[in-house]
Amino acid sequence: MKNIKGICLLAFLPLLVSQNANAQFFGVAGGRNLPFDLGRGAPESSEFRHGGYFSLDFGLRAFRFTNMGVHFSSAGTDLELERGDPLASSAEAHVSAKTVTFETRVRSPFVSSLRFFGLGGAGVTRFGLDVEKEAGSPFEGSAPGGVTSFVFTYGGGVERHIRQLLHLRLEVRDYVSPVSSHLYRPGGLWHRVTVMAGINIGL
């Protein structure tokens, strides 16, 4: 984790000293993951509760209203897992997610200091599982220490210009990734909707 943050900071440092900062941007944001249930009411269910969220963004201008960039996020959520088997197997765990995606952002022009944007991208997420309580046999064999998964993300939001190269940002995005069968069978897709606020420097 420390290595990842160090690499990100080294990548963002040129932006802060570049004479071409108006062709680049750096963003920092924090927020919350919204709860999401899988299979609620079925014999097997997984309830992902809300959790904290932090992100870093770095990008370059590709066209007048289009940017290309890299997005890193770290998030956590609590999980309640119920198998619905004869042993009434269940577990409570904390799930962490470290995500890196490559994204495209399309922005509108500023109108009354406000502009809107949409985004889409893809990458990978590394999920970590820290089991706090379990009963019966909620996992096949032992609990998985971690799972790496493909992820697709999309969303949008609004920015407010504060002063030269400084903007406030409000953003909502969804991370969509396959659910490991360790967490829910028969699997499927997991939507992790996140609401965040932060600042952008540059562009």
C-alpha atoms as a PDB file:
ATOM      1  CA  MET A   1       0.000   0.000   0.000  1.00  0.00           C
ATOM      2  CA  LYS A   2       2.819   2.428   0.893  1.00  0.00           C
ATOM      3  CA  ASN A   3       4.571   1.573  -2.379  1.00  0.00           C
ATOM      4  CA  ILE A   4       1.407   2.286  -4.389  1.00  0.00           C
ATOM      5  CA  LYS A   5       0.916   5.687  -2.740  1.00  0.00           C
ATOM      6  CA  GLY A   6       4.572   6.538  -3.292  1.00  0.00           C
ATOM      7  CA  ILE A   7       4.337   5.714  -6.994  1.00  0.00           C
ATOM      8  CA  CYS A   8       1.174   7.799  -7.322  1.00  0.00           C
ATOM      9  CA  LEU A   9       2.783  10.804  -5.621  1.00  0.00           C
ATOM     10  CA  LEU A  10       5.824  10.573  -7.904  1.00  0.00           C
ATOM     11  CA  ALA A  11       3.522  10.444 -10.912  1.00  0.00           C
ATOM     12  CA  PHE A  12       1.595  13.529  -9.775  1.00  0.00           C
ATOM     13  CA  LEU A  13       4.657  15.611  -8.803  1.00  0.00           C
ATOM     14  CA  PRO A  14       5.421  16.848 -12.352  1.00  0.00           C
ATOM     15  CA  LEU A  15       1.950  18.418 -12.497  1.00  0.00           C
ATOM     16  CA  LEU A  16       2.678  20.654  -9.519  1.00  0.00           C
ATOM     17  CA  VAL A  17       5.841  22.101 -11.079  1.00  0.00           C
ATOM     18  CA  SER A  18       4.976  21.952 -14.756  1.00  0.00           C
ATOM     19  CA  GLN A  19       4.584  25.133 -16.782  1.00  0.00           C
ATOM     20  CA  ASN A  20       1.986  23.211 -18.794  1.00  0.00           C
ATOM     21  CA  ALA A  21      -0.315  22.506 -15.832  1.00  0.00           C
ATOM     22  CA  ASN A  22      -3.277  23.785 -17.837  1.00  0.00           C
ATOM     23  CA  ALA A  23      -2.930  20.659 -20.025  1.00  0.00           C
ATOM     24  CA  GLN A  24      -2.970  18.255 -17.046  1.00  0.00           C
ATOM     25  CA  PHE A  25      -5.012  17.608 -13.940  1.00  0.00           C
ATOM     26  CA  PHE A  26      -4.577  16.039 -10.520  1.00  0.00           C
ATOM     27  CA  GLY A  27      -7.543  15.136  -8.311  1.00  0.00           C
ATOM     28  CA  VAL A  28      -8.061  14.020  -4.711  1.00  0.00           C
ATOM     29  CA  ALA A  29     -11.436  12.899  -3.360  1.00  0.00           C
ATOM     30  CA  GLY A  30     -13.056  11.119  -0.438  1.00  0.00           C
ATOM     31  CA  GLY A  31     -16.513   9.665   0.070  1.00  0.00           C
ATOM     32  CA  ARG A  32     -18.643   6.643   0.882  1.00  0.00           C
ATOM     33  CA  ASN A  33     -19.617   3.377  -0.745  1.00  0.00           C
ATOM     34  CA  LEU A  34     -23.364   2.781  -0.762  1.00  0.00           C
ATOM     35  CA  PRO A  35     -24.770  -0.512   0.617  1.00  0.00           C
ATOM     36  CA  PHE A  36     -25.572  -3.292  -1.848  1.00  0.00           C
ATOM     37  CA  ASP A  37     -27.296  -6.671  -1.359  1.00  0.00           C
ATOM     38  CA  LEU A  38     -26.877  -9.806  -3.456  1.00  0.00           C
ATOM     39  CA  GLY A  39     -29.602 -12.449  -3.385  1.00  0.00           C
ATOM     40  CA  ARG A  40     -31.621 -10.812  -0.621  1.00  0.00           C
ATOM     41  CA  GLY A  41     -34.440 -13.163   0.409  1.00  0.00           C
ATOM     42  CA  ALA A  42     -32.780 -16.140  -1.296  1.00  0.00           C
ATOM     43  CA  PRO A  43     -31.224 -19.084   0.603  1.00  0.00           C
ATOM     44  CA  GLU A  44     -27.809 -17.520  -0.029  1.00  0.00           C
ATOM     45  CA  SER A  45     -27.191 -13.801   0.375  1.00  0.00           C
ATOM     46  CA  SER A  46     -24.365 -11.299   0.749  1.00  0.00           C
ATOM     47  CA  GLU A  47     -24.956  -7.834   2.200  1.00  0.00           C
ATOM     48  CA  PHE A  48     -22.219  -5.269   1.535  1.00  0.00           C
ATOM     49  CA  ARG A  49     -22.600  -2.290   3.875  1.00  0.00           C
ATOM     50  CA  HIS A  50     -21.425   1.290   3.353  1.00  0.00           C
ATOM     51  CA  GLY A  51     -17.742   2.071   3.863  1.00  0.00           C
ATOM     52  CA  GLY A  52     -15.055   4.718   3.442  1.00  0.00           C
ATOM     53  CA  TYR A  53     -13.476   5.689   0.127  1.00  0.00           C
ATOM     54  CA  PHE A  54     -10.379   7.599  -1.054  1.00  0.00           C
ATOM     55  CA  SER A  55      -9.176   8.281  -4.606  1.00  0.00           C
ATOM     56  CA  LEU A  56      -6.398   9.896  -6.649  1.00  0.00           C
ATOM     57  CA  ASP A  57      -6.680  10.914 -10.306  1.00  0.00           C
ATOM     58  CA  PHE A  58      -4.142  12.068 -12.847  1.00  0.00           C
ATOM     59  CA  GLY A  59      -4.809  12.887 -16.483  1.00  0.00           C
ATOM     60  CA  LEU A  60      -3.909  14.779 -19.638  1.00  0.00           C
ATOM     61  CA  ARG A  61      -5.928  16.703 -22.170  1.00  0.00           C
ATOM     62  CA  ALA A  62      -6.605  14.534 -25.244  1.00  0.00           C
ATOM     63  CA  PHE A  63      -9.007  16.879 -27.072  1.00  0.00           C
ATOM     64  CA  ARG A  64     -10.667  20.164 -26.186  1.00  0.00           C
ATOM     65  CA  PHE A  65     -13.371  18.608 -23.985  1.00  0.00           C
ATOM     66  CA  THR A  66     -11.860  15.136 -23.484  1.00  0.00           C
ATOM     67  CA  ASN A  67      -9.240  13.948 -20.982  1.00  0.00           C
ATOM     68  CA  MET A  68      -7.439  10.623 -20.616  1.00  0.00           C
ATOM     69  CA  GLY A  69      -6.230   9.556 -17.192  1.00  0.00           C
ATOM     70  CA  VAL A  70      -5.395   7.037 -14.495  1.00  0.00           C
ATOM     71  CA  HIS A  71      -7.592   6.563 -11.423  1.00  0.00           C
ATOM     72  CA  PHE A  72      -6.572   4.888  -8.146  1.00  0.00           C
ATOM     73  CA  SER A  73      -9.006   4.224  -5.300  1.00  0.00           C
ATOM     74  CA  SER A  74      -8.958   2.521  -1.923  1.00  0.00           C
ATOM     75  CA  ALA A  75     -12.249   1.503  -0.319  1.00  0.00           C
ATOM     76  CA  GLY A  76     -13.613  -0.737   2.392  1.00  0.00           C
ATOM     77  CA  THR A  77     -16.959  -2.293   3.245  1.00  0.00           C
ATOM     78  CA  ASP A  78     -18.362  -4.716   5.815  1.00  0.00           C
ATOM     79  CA  LEU A  79     -19.861  -7.971   4.562  1.00  0.00           C
ATOM     80  CA  GLU A  80     -22.569 -10.194   6.044  1.00  0.00           C
ATOM     81  CA  LEU A  81     -22.665 -13.589   4.320  1.00  0.00           C
ATOM     82  CA  GLU A  82     -25.419 -16.203   4.759  1.00  0.00           C
ATOM     83  CA  ARG A  83     -25.152 -19.545   2.956  1.00  0.00           C
ATOM     84  CA  GLY A  84     -28.564 -20.999   3.830  1.00  0.00           C
ATOM     85  CA  ASP A  85     -27.131 -24.533   4.100  1.00  0.00           C
ATOM     86  CA  PRO A  86     -28.053 -27.186   6.730  1.00  0.00           C
ATOM     87  CA  LEU A  87     -25.275 -25.814   8.988  1.00  0.00           C
ATOM     88  CA  ALA A  88     -26.712 -22.281   8.776  1.00  0.00           C
ATOM     89  CA  SER A  89     -23.256 -21.170   7.708  1.00  0.00           C
ATOM     90  CA  SER A  90     -22.575 -17.451   7.940  1.00  0.00           C
ATOM     91  CA  ALA A  91     -19.716 -15.000   8.209  1.00  0.00           C
ATOM     92  CA  GLU A  92     -18.984 -11.373   8.979  1.00  0.00           C
ATOM     93  CA  ALA A  93     -15.944  -9.862   7.308  1.00  0.00           C
ATOM     94  CA  HIS A  94     -14.319  -6.637   6.184  1.00  0.00           C
ATOM     95  CA  VAL A  95     -13.684  -6.386   2.447  1.00  0.00           C
ATOM     96  CA  SER A  96     -11.049  -3.956   1.148  1.00  0.00           C
ATOM     97  CA  ALA A  97     -10.710  -2.955  -2.513  1.00  0.00           C
ATOM     98  CA  LYS A  98      -7.690  -1.370  -4.213  1.00  0.00           C
ATOM     99  CA  THR A  99      -8.583  -0.336  -7.775  1.00  0.00           C
ATOM    100  CA  VAL A 100      -6.615   1.042 -10.724  1.00  0.00           C
ATOM    101  CA  THR A 101      -8.463   2.039 -13.898  1.00  0.00           C
ATOM    102  CA  PHE A 102      -7.619   3.839 -17.133  1.00  0.00           C
ATOM    103  CA  GLU A 103     -10.378   6.312 -17.969  1.00  0.00           C
ATOM    104  CA  THR A 104     -11.774   8.808 -20.438  1.00  0.00           C
ATOM    105  CA  ARG A 105     -13.575  11.943 -19.195  1.00  0.00           C
ATOM    106  CA  VAL A 106     -15.802  14.127 -21.363  1.00  0.00           C
ATOM    107  CA  ARG A 107     -16.558  17.605 -20.018  1.00  0.00           C
ATOM    108  CA  SER A 108     -18.885  20.451 -20.908  1.00  0.00           C
ATOM    109  CA  PRO A 109     -17.721  24.082 -21.150  1.00  0.00           C
ATOM    110  CA  PHE A 110     -18.000  26.194 -17.979  1.00  0.00           C
ATOM    111  CA  VAL A 111     -21.351  27.941 -17.512  1.00  0.00           C
ATOM    112  CA  SER A 112     -21.638  30.247 -14.485  1.00  0.00           C
ATOM    113  CA  SER A 113     -18.491  28.635 -12.990  1.00  0.00           C
ATOM    114  CA  LEU A 114     -19.994  25.140 -13.334  1.00  0.00           C
ATOM    115  CA  ARG A 115     -19.248  22.334 -15.770  1.00  0.00           C
ATOM    116  CA  PHE A 116     -20.528  18.767 -16.013  1.00  0.00           C
ATOM    117  CA  PHE A 117     -18.605  15.640 -16.932  1.00  0.00           C
ATOM    118  CA  GLY A 118     -19.063  11.955 -17.658  1.00  0.00           C
ATOM    119  CA  LEU A 119     -16.479   9.186 -17.410  1.00  0.00           C
ATOM    120  CA  GLY A 120     -15.879   5.572 -18.330  1.00  0.00           C
ATOM    121  CA  GLY A 121     -12.959   3.194 -17.943  1.00  0.00           C
ATOM    122  CA  ALA A 122     -11.662  -0.261 -17.110  1.00  0.00           C
ATOM    123  CA  GLY A 123      -8.919  -1.836 -15.014  1.00  0.00           C
ATOM    124  CA  VAL A 124      -8.378  -4.235 -12.113  1.00  0.00           C
ATOM    125  CA  THR A 125      -9.385  -4.436  -8.457  1.00  0.00           C
ATOM    126  CA  ARG A 126      -7.621  -6.353  -5.718  1.00  0.00           C
ATOM    127  CA  PHE A 127     -10.084  -7.462  -3.038  1.00  0.00           C
ATOM    128  CA  GLY A 128      -8.864  -8.386   0.445  1.00  0.00           C
ATOM    129  CA  LEU A 129     -10.983 -10.324   2.942  1.00  0.00           C
ATOM    130  CA  ASP A 130     -10.542 -10.083   6.713  1.00  0.00           C
ATOM    131  CA  VAL A 131     -12.951 -12.510   8.440  1.00  0.00           C
ATOM    132  CA  GLU A 132     -14.115 -11.272  11.851  1.00  0.00           C
ATOM    133  CA  LYS A 133     -16.709 -13.936  12.714  1.00  0.00           C
ATOM    134  CA  GLU A 134     -17.896 -17.177  11.099  1.00  0.00           C
ATOM    135  CA  ALA A 135     -20.222 -20.071  11.861  1.00  0.00           C
ATOM    136  CA  GLY A 136     -20.503 -23.431  10.107  1.00  0.00           C
ATOM    137  CA  SER A 137     -18.637 -23.613   6.783  1.00  0.00           C
ATOM    138  CA  PRO A 138     -19.261 -20.320   4.969  1.00  0.00           C
ATOM    139  CA  PHE A 139     -16.234 -20.738   2.656  1.00  0.00           C
ATOM    140  CA  GLU A 140     -15.047 -23.579   0.434  1.00  0.00           C
ATOM    141  CA  GLY A 141     -11.970 -24.709   2.321  1.00  0.00           C
ATOM    142  CA  SER A 142     -10.433 -21.696   4.043  1.00  0.00           C
ATOM    143  CA  ALA A 143     -11.415 -18.063   3.610  1.00  0.00           C
ATOM    144  CA  PRO A 144      -9.754 -16.443   0.592  1.00  0.00           C
ATOM    145  CA  GLY A 145      -6.982 -14.027   1.505  1.00  0.00           C
ATOM    146  CA  GLY A 146      -7.495 -11.956  -1.637  1.00  0.00           C
ATOM    147  CA  VAL A 147      -9.021 -11.978  -5.110  1.00  0.00           C
ATOM    148  CA  THR A 148      -8.011  -9.962  -8.193  1.00  0.00           C
ATOM    149  CA  SER A 149     -10.817  -9.084 -10.586  1.00  0.00           C
ATOM    150  CA  PHE A 150     -11.439  -7.111 -13.774  1.00  0.00           C
ATOM    151  CA  VAL A 151     -13.499  -3.957 -13.177  1.00  0.00           C
ATOM    152  CA  PHE A 152     -15.446  -1.535 -15.372  1.00  0.00           C
ATOM    153  CA  THR A 153     -16.361   1.905 -14.064  1.00  0.00           C
ATOM    154  CA  TYR A 154     -18.628   4.698 -15.244  1.00  0.00           C
ATOM    155  CA  GLY A 155     -20.181   7.811 -13.743  1.00  0.00           C
ATOM    156  CA  GLY A 156     -20.286  11.571 -13.820  1.00  0.00           C
ATOM    157  CA  GLY A 157     -20.612  14.725 -11.809  1.00  0.00           C
ATOM    158  CA  VAL A 158     -20.127  18.458 -11.648  1.00  0.00           C
ATOM    159  CA  GLU A 159     -17.153  20.759 -11.038  1.00  0.00           C
ATOM    160  CA  ARG A 160     -17.200  24.329  -9.709  1.00  0.00           C
ATOM    161  CA  HIS A 161     -14.384  26.702 -10.597  1.00  0.00           C
ATOM    162  CA  ILE A 162     -12.868  28.331  -7.488  1.00  0.00           C
ATOM    163  CA  ARG A 163      -9.780  30.084  -8.816  1.00  0.00           C
ATOM    164  CA  GLN A 164      -7.125  29.550 -11.461  1.00  0.00           C
ATOM    165  CA  LEU A 165      -6.442  25.783 -11.841  1.00  0.00           C
ATOM    166  CA  LEU A 166      -8.534  24.928  -8.746  1.00  0.00           C
ATOM    167  CA  HIS A 167     -11.966  23.269  -8.924  1.00  0.00           C
ATOM    168  CA  LEU A 168     -14.315  21.619  -6.445  1.00  0.00           C
ATOM    169  CA  ARG A 169     -15.707  18.273  -7.655  1.00  0.00           C
ATOM    170  CA  LEU A 170     -18.807  16.236  -6.791  1.00  0.00           C
ATOM    171  CA  GLU A 171     -18.882  12.804  -8.418  1.00  0.00           C
ATOM    172  CA  VAL A 172     -20.957   9.617  -8.438  1.00  0.00           C
ATOM    173  CA  ARG A 173     -19.536   6.476 -10.004  1.00  0.00           C
ATOM    174  CA  ASP A 174     -20.208   2.752 -10.171  1.00  0.00           C
ATOM    175  CA  TYR A 175     -17.543   0.035 -10.150  1.00  0.00           C
ATOM    176  CA  VAL A 176     -18.816  -3.175 -11.773  1.00  0.00           C
ATOM    177  CA  SER A 177     -16.857  -6.390 -11.225  1.00  0.00           C
ATOM    178  CA  PRO A 178     -17.535 -10.150 -11.040  1.00  0.00           C
ATOM    179  CA  VAL A 179     -18.379 -11.481  -7.580  1.00  0.00           C
ATOM    180  CA  SER A 180     -16.150 -14.302  -6.346  1.00  0.00           C
ATOM    181  CA  SER A 181     -18.054 -17.509  -5.571  1.00  0.00           C
ATOM    182  CA  HIS A 182     -16.361 -17.364  -2.148  1.00  0.00           C
ATOM    183  CA  LEU A 183     -18.602 -14.387  -1.377  1.00  0.00           C
ATOM    184  CA  TYR A 184     -21.762 -15.302  -3.259  1.00  0.00           C
ATOM    185  CA  ARG A 185     -22.867 -18.290  -5.333  1.00  0.00           C
ATOM    186  CA  PRO A 186     -23.570 -18.567  -8.225  1.00  0.00           C
ATOM    187  CA  GLY A 187     -21.537 -15.378  -8.677  1.00  0.00           C
ATOM    188  CA  GLY A 188     -22.671 -12.572 -10.960  1.00  0.00           C
ATOM    189  CA  LEU A 189     -21.794  -8.885 -11.010  1.00  0.00           C
ATOM    190  CA  TRP A 190     -21.196  -6.635  -8.018  1.00  0.00           C
ATOM    191  CA  HIS A 191     -22.046  -2.931  -8.342  1.00  0.00           C
ATOM    192  CA  ARG A 192     -20.119  -0.685  -5.951  1.00  0.00           C
ATOM    193  CA  VAL A 193     -21.745   2.741  -6.157  1.00  0.00           C
ATOM    194  CA  THR A 194     -19.674   5.536  -4.619  1.00  0.00           C
ATOM    195  CA  VAL A 195     -20.489   9.163  -3.839  1.00  0.00           C
ATOM    196  CA  MET A 196     -17.481  11.458  -3.367  1.00  0.00           C
ATOM    197  CA  ALA A 197     -16.350  15.061  -3.126  1.00  0.00           C
ATOM    198  CA  GLY A 198     -12.898  16.487  -3.735  1.00  0.00           C
ATOM    199  CA  ILE A 199     -10.708  18.969  -5.572  1.00  0.00           C
ATOM    200  CA  ASN A 200      -9.065  19.049  -8.983  1.00  0.00           C
ATOM    201  CA  ILE A 201      -5.905  20.996  -9.734  1.00  0.00           C
ATOM    202  CA  GLY A 202      -5.118  21.782 -13.363  1.00  0.00           C
ATOM    203  CA  LEU A 203      -7.201  21.749 -16.567  1.00  0.00           C
END
